Amino acid sequence: MSEGSIKRLTDRGFGFIDTGGEKDLFFHSSNLEGVNYDDLHEGQRVSYDEGVGPKGPCAENVKLA
C-alpha cells in the first residue's frame, strides 16, 4: 500500500490524493474502507492501492493511515 494526503474533496463524493509525485490520484467515496466520506478532511493522511479506472489511474481501498 502507498501513502499520501488528501489534497482536495468535493461535494460530489470524490477527491484527490497528493501522492508526492507529479500527479494527484483520484478516488471515489465507493473506494473508502473503514471511514465515511463525510469524516475526511483535506491534509489527512491515507493509505491506498493504486488502480486503474475508466478515466485513468485512481486510488482504491482508501483508508486512514
Protein backbone atom coordinates (compact mmCIF):
# COMPACT_ATOMS: atom_id res chain seq x y z
CA MET A 1 0.00 0.00 0.00
CA SER A 2 1.09 3.54 -0.71
CA GLU A 3 0.51 6.61 1.45
CA GLY A 4 -0.41 10.19 0.67
CA SER A 5 -2.55 13.04 1.95
CA ILE A 6 -5.94 14.26 0.85
CA LYS A 7 -5.40 17.29 -1.34
CA ARG A 8 -8.97 18.15 -2.29
CA LEU A 9 -12.50 16.94 -1.51
CA THR A 10 -15.63 17.78 -3.49
CA ASP A 11 -19.30 17.89 -2.56
CA ARG A 12 -19.94 15.23 -5.22
CA GLY A 13 -18.38 12.31 -3.31
CA PHE A 14 -14.88 12.21 -4.74
CA GLY A 15 -11.49 13.71 -4.08
CA PHE A 16 -7.81 13.72 -4.91
CA ILE A 17 -4.79 12.38 -3.05
CA ASP A 18 -1.41 14.11 -3.13
CA THR A 19 0.95 11.21 -3.77
CA GLY A 20 4.12 13.27 -3.52
CA GLY A 21 4.68 12.84 -7.26
CA GLU A 22 3.76 14.95 -10.25
CA LYS A 23 0.10 13.94 -10.47
CA ASP A 24 -2.64 13.66 -7.86
CA LEU A 25 -4.65 10.45 -7.66
CA PHE A 26 -8.45 10.45 -7.99
CA PHE A 27 -10.63 8.49 -5.54
CA HIS A 28 -14.37 7.99 -5.21
CA SER A 29 -16.27 7.54 -1.94
CA SER A 30 -17.10 3.97 -3.02
CA ASN A 31 -13.35 3.19 -2.72
CA LEU A 32 -13.20 4.03 1.00
CA GLU A 33 -12.66 1.35 3.65
CA GLY A 34 -13.44 1.84 7.32
CA VAL A 35 -14.18 5.57 7.05
CA ASN A 36 -17.11 7.66 5.83
CA TYR A 37 -16.53 10.28 3.17
CA ASP A 38 -18.07 12.98 5.41
CA ASP A 39 -15.43 12.27 8.10
CA LEU A 40 -12.49 13.06 5.79
CA HIS A 41 -10.74 16.42 5.64
CA GLU A 42 -8.02 17.93 3.48
CA GLY A 43 -4.49 17.24 4.68
CA GLN A 44 -5.44 13.94 6.31
CA ARG A 45 -3.01 11.04 5.74
CA VAL A 46 -4.41 8.00 3.94
CA SER A 47 -3.12 4.71 2.59
CA TYR A 48 -4.34 3.29 -0.72
CA ASP A 49 -3.73 0.82 -3.52
CA GLU A 50 -3.14 2.20 -7.00
CA GLY A 51 -5.63 1.02 -9.59
CA VAL A 52 -6.94 1.98 -13.00
CA GLY A 53 -10.42 3.40 -13.51
CA PRO A 54 -12.35 4.32 -16.63
CA LYS A 55 -10.53 7.66 -16.89
CA GLY A 56 -7.05 6.56 -15.84
CA PRO A 57 -5.15 5.94 -12.60
CA CYS A 58 -7.14 6.05 -9.35
CA ALA A 59 -6.85 5.12 -5.69
CA GLU A 60 -8.61 2.01 -4.38
CA ASN A 61 -9.04 0.62 -0.86
CA VAL A 62 -8.51 4.09 0.64
CA LYS A 63 -8.26 4.12 4.45
CA LEU A 64 -6.84 6.34 7.15
CA ALA A 65 -3.11 5.91 7.69
